Amino acid sequence: MTTAALIVAAGMSSRMGDFKPMLAIGSISIAQRVVATLQQAGAERIVMVTGYNATALERHLAGQGLVFLRNENYEHTQMFDSAKIGLNYLQDKCERILFTPVDIPLFTAATVRTLLKCDAPLACPVCQGQEGHPILIASSLVPGLLADSGEGGLKGAIGRCGAAMRHVEVPDAGILHDADTPEDYQHLLSFHNEQMIRPTVSVALAKELPFFDDKIAMLLSQVDETHSVRTACRRMQISYSTGWNIIRTLESQFSRTLIERSQGGASGGQSRLTEDGRRLVAAFSRYEARLRETAGALFDEYFDGVL
């Protein structure tokens, strides 16, 4: 099943006194850690809803293959309103969605993979008797969540969505630890230093040099979705000229046209993937998912009892 992830990062971090998503946890930021874990676990598309300090956060994560959506009214709305922006965007683009706030950065890829094995339409990890994040939501539940009154926030909407929450037991206390206050943050740092080593996998196609990876695949997908190279680049926080340079290099390496361009008209020109382009993106996505799954299994096999 196709899996996407939704990270909500629009809040003002008022209780922390600093901007939570960009605080360091180890050698990377909280936001980078969440993204890396979801990518490692096999999320095929990751959407982040930004609001407060949006430009800085989007630039901080530029080049990591995310789609950025903004809650422009973040000062006067709740987390559920930001979640609805992302859910509305994703509902027809995947079969299930992993949802998490940005300030819960220490859940593991193993926990996410365990959650993804669950066949329930609604599930969350549980450790020490407490529910945590990320939450797994079937796309079939999204219309009901979007139509909900919003009373009680996302938790209230989930309680009224008509599906029972499946609890998935995991030995991962990272699902419970957030960074809401300075004290929480210090606790996160202590917990992080005790965590086990994890594998990371980067996949690219190359000739003499690499020319196609997951970030370029996401750029092509966004062009096909928005019919605009400019909009695709803006969503991914790369410059328009850089986007076109990537596309031209890619087409040169493949010796075929991957993006069709139409000119002018009252509404301006449009761009979309050719059939070759769509096949390339689909094949790479399947290939990458299998490699990440295999790498995780091999890590467990060879490092069990070593680390």
Protein backbone atom coordinates (compact mmCIF):
# COMPACT_ATOMS: atom_id res chain seq x y z
CA MET A 1 0.00 0.00 0.00
CA THR A 2 1.18 3.53 -0.75
CA THR A 3 2.15 5.40 2.40
CA ALA A 4 2.55 9.14 2.93
CA ALA A 5 3.51 11.08 6.02
CA LEU A 6 2.13 14.34 7.38
CA ILE A 7 4.19 16.46 9.78
CA VAL A 8 2.51 19.47 11.39
CA ALA A 9 4.97 22.25 12.19
CA ALA A 10 2.92 25.47 12.11
CA GLY A 11 2.88 26.31 15.83
CA MET A 12 4.58 29.28 17.47
CA SER A 13 6.61 27.27 20.06
CA SER A 14 5.42 29.73 22.71
CA ARG A 15 6.02 27.44 25.71
CA MET A 16 9.51 26.51 24.53
CA GLY A 17 10.71 30.08 24.10
CA ASP A 18 12.64 29.01 20.99
CA PHE A 19 11.68 27.62 17.58
CA LYS A 20 11.27 23.90 18.27
CA PRO A 21 11.63 22.36 14.80
CA MET A 22 15.13 23.79 14.33
CA LEU A 23 16.51 22.99 17.77
CA ALA A 24 19.43 20.57 17.61
CA ILE A 25 19.08 16.98 18.75
CA GLY A 26 22.45 15.39 18.30
CA SER A 27 24.05 16.64 15.09
CA ILE A 28 20.74 17.38 13.30
CA SER A 29 17.59 19.33 14.11
CA ILE A 30 14.34 18.00 15.54
CA ALA A 31 12.62 18.48 12.18
CA GLN A 32 15.44 16.76 10.27
CA ARG A 33 15.29 13.79 12.65
CA VAL A 34 11.54 13.29 12.12
CA VAL A 35 11.93 13.51 8.33
CA ALA A 36 14.90 11.11 8.28
CA THR A 37 13.07 8.51 10.36
CA LEU A 38 9.96 8.60 8.19
CA GLN A 39 12.05 8.34 5.03
CA GLN A 40 14.02 5.44 6.48
CA ALA A 41 10.79 3.65 7.37
CA GLY A 42 9.51 3.89 3.79
CA ALA A 43 7.17 6.91 3.61
CA GLU A 44 6.89 7.59 -0.11
CA ARG A 45 5.74 11.20 0.17
CA ILE A 46 6.28 13.51 3.14
CA VAL A 47 4.24 16.68 3.57
CA MET A 48 5.01 19.33 6.16
CA VAL A 49 2.50 22.03 7.08
CA THR A 50 4.34 25.17 8.16
CA GLY A 51 3.15 28.47 9.58
CA TYR A 52 5.18 30.39 12.16
CA ASN A 53 8.73 30.99 10.87
CA ALA A 54 7.74 29.09 7.72
CA THR A 55 10.35 30.48 5.35
CA ALA A 56 13.25 29.67 7.68
CA LEU A 57 12.01 26.13 8.32
CA GLU A 58 11.36 25.41 4.65
CA ARG A 59 14.84 26.63 3.72
CA HIS A 60 16.32 24.58 6.57
CA LEU A 61 14.75 21.43 5.09
CA ALA A 62 15.16 22.33 1.42
CA GLY A 63 16.59 19.53 -0.68
CA GLN A 64 15.18 16.73 1.49
CA GLY A 65 12.33 15.94 -0.87
CA LEU A 66 9.43 17.34 1.18
CA VAL A 67 6.25 19.04 -0.02
CA PHE A 68 5.59 22.21 2.00
CA LEU A 69 2.09 23.56 2.57
CA ARG A 70 1.36 26.63 4.65
CA ASN A 71 -1.21 27.46 7.28
CA GLU A 72 -1.24 31.21 6.71
CA ASN A 73 -3.66 31.68 9.63
CA TYR A 74 -1.48 29.81 12.14
CA GLU A 75 -1.78 32.53 14.81
CA HIS A 76 -5.55 32.03 15.10
CA THR A 77 -5.94 28.29 14.48
CA GLN A 78 -5.16 25.02 16.25
CA MET A 79 -3.05 22.00 15.27
CA PHE A 80 -6.13 20.26 13.87
CA ASP A 81 -6.56 23.08 11.33
CA SER A 82 -3.00 22.52 10.12
CA ALA A 83 -3.60 18.77 10.04
CA LYS A 84 -6.67 19.31 7.85
CA ILE A 85 -4.58 21.24 5.31
CA GLY A 86 -2.25 18.27 4.95
CA LEU A 87 -4.99 15.62 5.05
CA ASN A 88 -6.96 17.42 2.36
CA TYR A 89 -3.87 17.47 0.13
CA LEU A 90 -2.98 13.80 0.71
CA GLN A 91 -6.37 12.10 0.73
CA ASP A 92 -6.35 11.09 -2.96
CA LYS A 93 -2.58 10.57 -3.25
CA CYS A 94 -2.00 7.55 -1.00
CA GLU A 95 -3.78 4.73 0.81
CA ARG A 96 -2.62 5.57 4.32
CA ILE A 97 -1.05 8.47 6.17
CA LEU A 98 1.42 8.60 9.06
CA PHE A 99 0.60 11.68 11.15
CA THR A 100 2.86 13.31 13.73
CA PRO A 101 3.54 16.74 15.19
CA VAL A 102 7.09 17.89 14.49
CA ASP A 103 8.04 18.01 18.18
CA ILE A 104 8.02 14.22 18.76
CA PRO A 105 11.33 13.35 17.08
CA LEU A 106 12.62 10.17 18.72
CA PHE A 107 10.30 7.40 17.55
CA THR A 108 12.25 4.84 15.53
CA ALA A 109 11.93 3.54 11.99
CA ALA A 110 11.39 0.06 13.47
CA THR A 111 8.32 1.37 15.28
CA VAL A 112 6.96 2.89 12.07
CA ARG A 113 7.53 -0.36 10.17
CA THR A 114 5.72 -2.30 12.91
CA LEU A 115 2.83 0.15 12.68
CA LEU A 116 2.69 -0.21 8.90
CA LYS A 117 2.23 -3.97 9.23
CA CYS A 118 -1.08 -3.31 11.01
CA ASP A 119 -4.10 -3.84 8.76
CA ALA A 120 -6.42 -1.59 10.80
CA PRO A 121 -7.69 1.69 9.29
CA LEU A 122 -6.61 3.56 12.43
CA ALA A 123 -3.67 2.65 14.65
CA CYS A 124 -1.13 4.15 17.02
CA PRO A 125 1.92 2.80 18.85
CA VAL A 126 1.69 2.15 22.57
CA CYS A 127 4.57 1.94 25.06
CA GLN A 128 4.30 1.52 28.81
CA GLY A 129 0.53 1.70 28.47
CA GLN A 130 0.59 5.13 26.81
CA GLU A 131 -0.42 6.07 23.27
CA GLY A 132 2.17 7.86 21.15
CA HIS A 133 3.02 9.01 17.63
CA PRO A 134 2.95 8.64 14.71
CA ILE A 135 -0.71 7.76 14.14
CA LEU A 136 -1.61 5.65 11.12
CA ILE A 137 -4.76 6.85 9.31
CA ALA A 138 -6.36 5.16 6.31
CA SER A 139 -7.17 7.60 3.52
CA SER A 140 -10.74 6.33 3.56
CA LEU A 141 -11.17 8.07 6.95
CA VAL A 142 -9.95 11.47 5.76
CA PRO A 143 -13.25 12.82 4.34
CA GLY A 144 -14.89 12.28 7.72
CA LEU A 145 -12.03 13.98 9.55
CA LEU A 146 -12.18 16.96 7.20
CA ALA A 147 -15.93 17.32 7.75
CA ASP A 148 -15.62 17.09 11.56
CA SER A 149 -16.60 19.99 13.79
CA GLY A 150 -13.12 20.11 15.29
CA GLU A 151 -14.34 19.98 18.88
CA GLY A 152 -11.56 18.47 20.95
CA GLY A 153 -9.04 18.88 18.10
CA LEU A 154 -7.65 15.96 16.13
CA LYS A 155 -8.12 13.58 19.05
CA GLY A 156 -11.81 14.44 19.20
CA ALA A 157 -12.22 14.07 15.44
CA ILE A 158 -10.50 10.68 15.48
CA GLY A 159 -12.81 9.57 18.28
CA ARG A 160 -15.81 10.44 16.09
CA CYS A 161 -14.49 9.06 12.78
CA GLY A 162 -16.23 5.69 13.08
CA ALA A 163 -13.10 3.51 13.29
CA ALA A 164 -11.71 1.98 16.45
CA MET A 165 -8.12 2.80 17.33
CA ARG A 166 -5.84 -0.25 17.11
CA HIS A 167 -3.11 -0.18 19.74
CA VAL A 168 0.23 -1.57 18.55
CA GLU A 169 2.63 -2.42 21.38
CA VAL A 170 6.23 -1.32 20.74
CA PRO A 171 9.36 -1.20 22.96
CA ASP A 172 10.01 2.42 21.96
CA ALA A 173 9.64 5.16 24.57
CA GLY A 174 10.55 7.68 21.88
CA ILE A 175 6.90 7.68 20.76
CA LEU A 176 6.01 9.48 24.01
CA HIS A 177 8.62 12.22 24.32
CA ASP A 178 7.79 15.66 22.95
CA ALA A 179 9.60 18.99 23.12
CA ASP A 180 6.95 21.31 24.48
CA THR A 181 9.02 23.06 27.17
CA PRO A 182 12.73 23.62 27.88
CA GLU A 183 12.53 20.83 30.46
CA ASP A 184 11.04 18.47 27.85
CA TYR A 185 13.85 19.38 25.48
CA GLN A 186 16.55 18.53 28.01
CA HIS A 187 14.86 15.20 28.64
CA LEU A 188 14.80 14.56 24.88
CA LEU A 189 18.53 15.20 24.66
CA SER A 190 19.22 12.72 27.47
CA PHE A 191 16.99 10.09 25.87
CA HIS A 192 18.58 10.66 22.45
CA ASN A 193 22.07 9.98 23.81
CA GLU A 194 20.94 6.56 25.04
CA GLN A 195 19.36 5.43 21.78
CA MET A 196 20.75 2.68 19.58
CA ILE A 197 22.45 3.18 16.24
CA ARG A 198 20.14 3.05 13.23
CA PRO A 199 20.80 2.35 9.54
CA THR A 200 20.35 4.98 6.84
CA VAL A 201 20.00 4.26 3.13
CA SER A 202 20.44 6.71 0.25
CA VAL A 203 19.49 5.52 -3.24
CA ALA A 204 20.49 7.11 -6.56
CA LEU A 205 20.82 6.16 -10.21
CA ALA A 206 24.16 7.01 -11.80
CA LYS A 207 26.25 6.87 -14.93
CA GLU A 208 29.63 8.51 -14.37
CA LEU A 209 27.92 10.58 -11.64
CA PRO A 210 24.59 10.26 -9.79
CA PHE A 211 21.76 11.98 -11.66
CA PHE A 212 18.47 10.71 -10.18
CA ASP A 213 17.40 10.25 -6.56
CA ASP A 214 14.30 10.49 -4.35
CA LYS A 215 14.37 14.30 -4.31
CA ILE A 216 14.41 14.52 -8.10
CA ALA A 217 11.64 11.90 -8.23
CA MET A 218 9.57 14.12 -5.92
CA LEU A 219 10.23 17.16 -8.13
CA LEU A 220 8.91 15.28 -11.16
CA SER A 221 5.86 14.12 -9.21
CA GLN A 222 5.13 17.69 -8.13
CA VAL A 223 5.45 18.97 -11.71
CA ASP A 224 2.94 16.36 -12.86
CA GLU A 225 0.60 17.15 -9.97
CA THR A 226 0.67 20.96 -10.25
CA HIS A 227 1.29 21.19 -14.05
CA SER A 228 3.88 23.83 -13.19
CA VAL A 229 7.65 23.63 -12.75
CA ARG A 230 7.55 26.94 -10.87
CA THR A 231 4.95 25.72 -8.35
CA ALA A 232 6.76 22.40 -7.92
CA CYS A 233 10.01 24.22 -7.15
CA ARG A 234 8.28 26.55 -4.68
CA ARG A 235 6.72 23.61 -2.82
CA MET A 236 10.13 21.97 -2.52
CA GLN A 237 12.01 25.18 -1.70
CA ILE A 238 14.39 25.06 -4.67
CA SER A 239 14.91 27.88 -7.15
CA TYR A 240 13.11 27.85 -10.50
CA SER A 241 16.40 27.90 -12.41
CA THR A 242 17.75 25.01 -10.33
CA GLY A 243 14.62 23.01 -11.04
CA TRP A 244 14.96 23.45 -14.79
CA ASN A 245 18.67 22.62 -14.65
CA ILE A 246 17.82 19.37 -12.87
CA ILE A 247 15.20 18.51 -15.47
CA ARG A 248 17.47 19.29 -18.44
CA THR A 249 20.31 17.22 -16.96
CA LEU A 250 17.94 14.33 -16.32
CA GLU A 251 16.55 14.38 -19.85
CA SER A 252 20.08 14.50 -21.22
CA GLN A 253 21.08 11.44 -19.22
CA PHE A 254 17.99 9.50 -20.33
CA SER A 255 18.12 10.78 -23.93
CA ARG A 256 14.36 11.22 -23.95
CA THR A 257 11.73 13.80 -23.03
CA LEU A 258 10.39 13.42 -19.49
CA ILE A 259 8.35 16.64 -19.25
CA GLU A 260 5.93 17.98 -21.84
CA ARG A 261 5.67 21.77 -22.05
CA SER A 262 2.77 23.73 -23.51
CA GLN A 263 3.13 27.43 -24.25
CA GLY A 264 1.20 30.55 -23.33
CA GLY A 265 -2.53 31.06 -23.48
CA ALA A 266 -4.71 33.09 -21.15
CA SER A 267 -3.76 30.97 -18.15
CA GLY A 268 -0.08 30.60 -19.06
CA GLY A 269 1.90 27.52 -20.07
CA GLN A 270 1.75 24.12 -18.40
CA SER A 271 4.15 21.25 -17.79
CA ARG A 272 3.44 17.60 -17.06
CA LEU A 273 5.25 14.27 -17.15
CA THR A 274 5.39 12.18 -20.27
CA GLU A 275 4.55 8.50 -20.01
CA ASP A 276 8.30 7.79 -19.83
CA GLY A 277 8.55 10.21 -16.91
CA ARG A 278 5.71 8.59 -15.02
CA ARG A 279 7.17 5.12 -15.51
CA LEU A 280 10.54 6.32 -14.27
CA VAL A 281 9.11 7.85 -11.07
CA ALA A 282 6.93 4.80 -10.35
CA ALA A 283 9.77 2.32 -10.90
CA PHE A 284 12.21 4.30 -8.76
CA SER A 285 9.69 4.58 -5.91
CA ARG A 286 9.11 0.82 -5.87
CA TYR A 287 12.84 0.12 -6.15
CA GLU A 288 13.70 2.48 -3.29
CA ALA A 289 11.00 1.06 -1.02
CA ARG A 290 12.27 -2.50 -1.52
CA LEU A 291 15.87 -1.46 -0.85
CA ARG A 292 14.95 0.31 2.39
CA GLU A 293 12.91 -2.68 3.54
CA THR A 294 15.75 -5.07 2.72
CA ALA A 295 18.34 -2.84 4.41
CA GLY A 296 16.27 -2.76 7.60
CA ALA A 297 15.95 -6.55 7.66
CA LEU A 298 19.69 -7.01 7.04
CA PHE A 299 20.53 -4.53 9.80
CA ASP A 300 18.40 -6.49 12.27
CA GLU A 301 20.00 -9.76 11.12
CA TYR A 302 23.63 -8.70 11.32
CA PHE A 303 23.62 -6.26 14.24
CA ASP A 304 21.26 -8.01 16.65
CA GLY A 305 23.19 -8.30 19.91
CA VAL A 306 26.12 -6.26 18.58
CA LEU A 307 24.94 -2.68 19.19
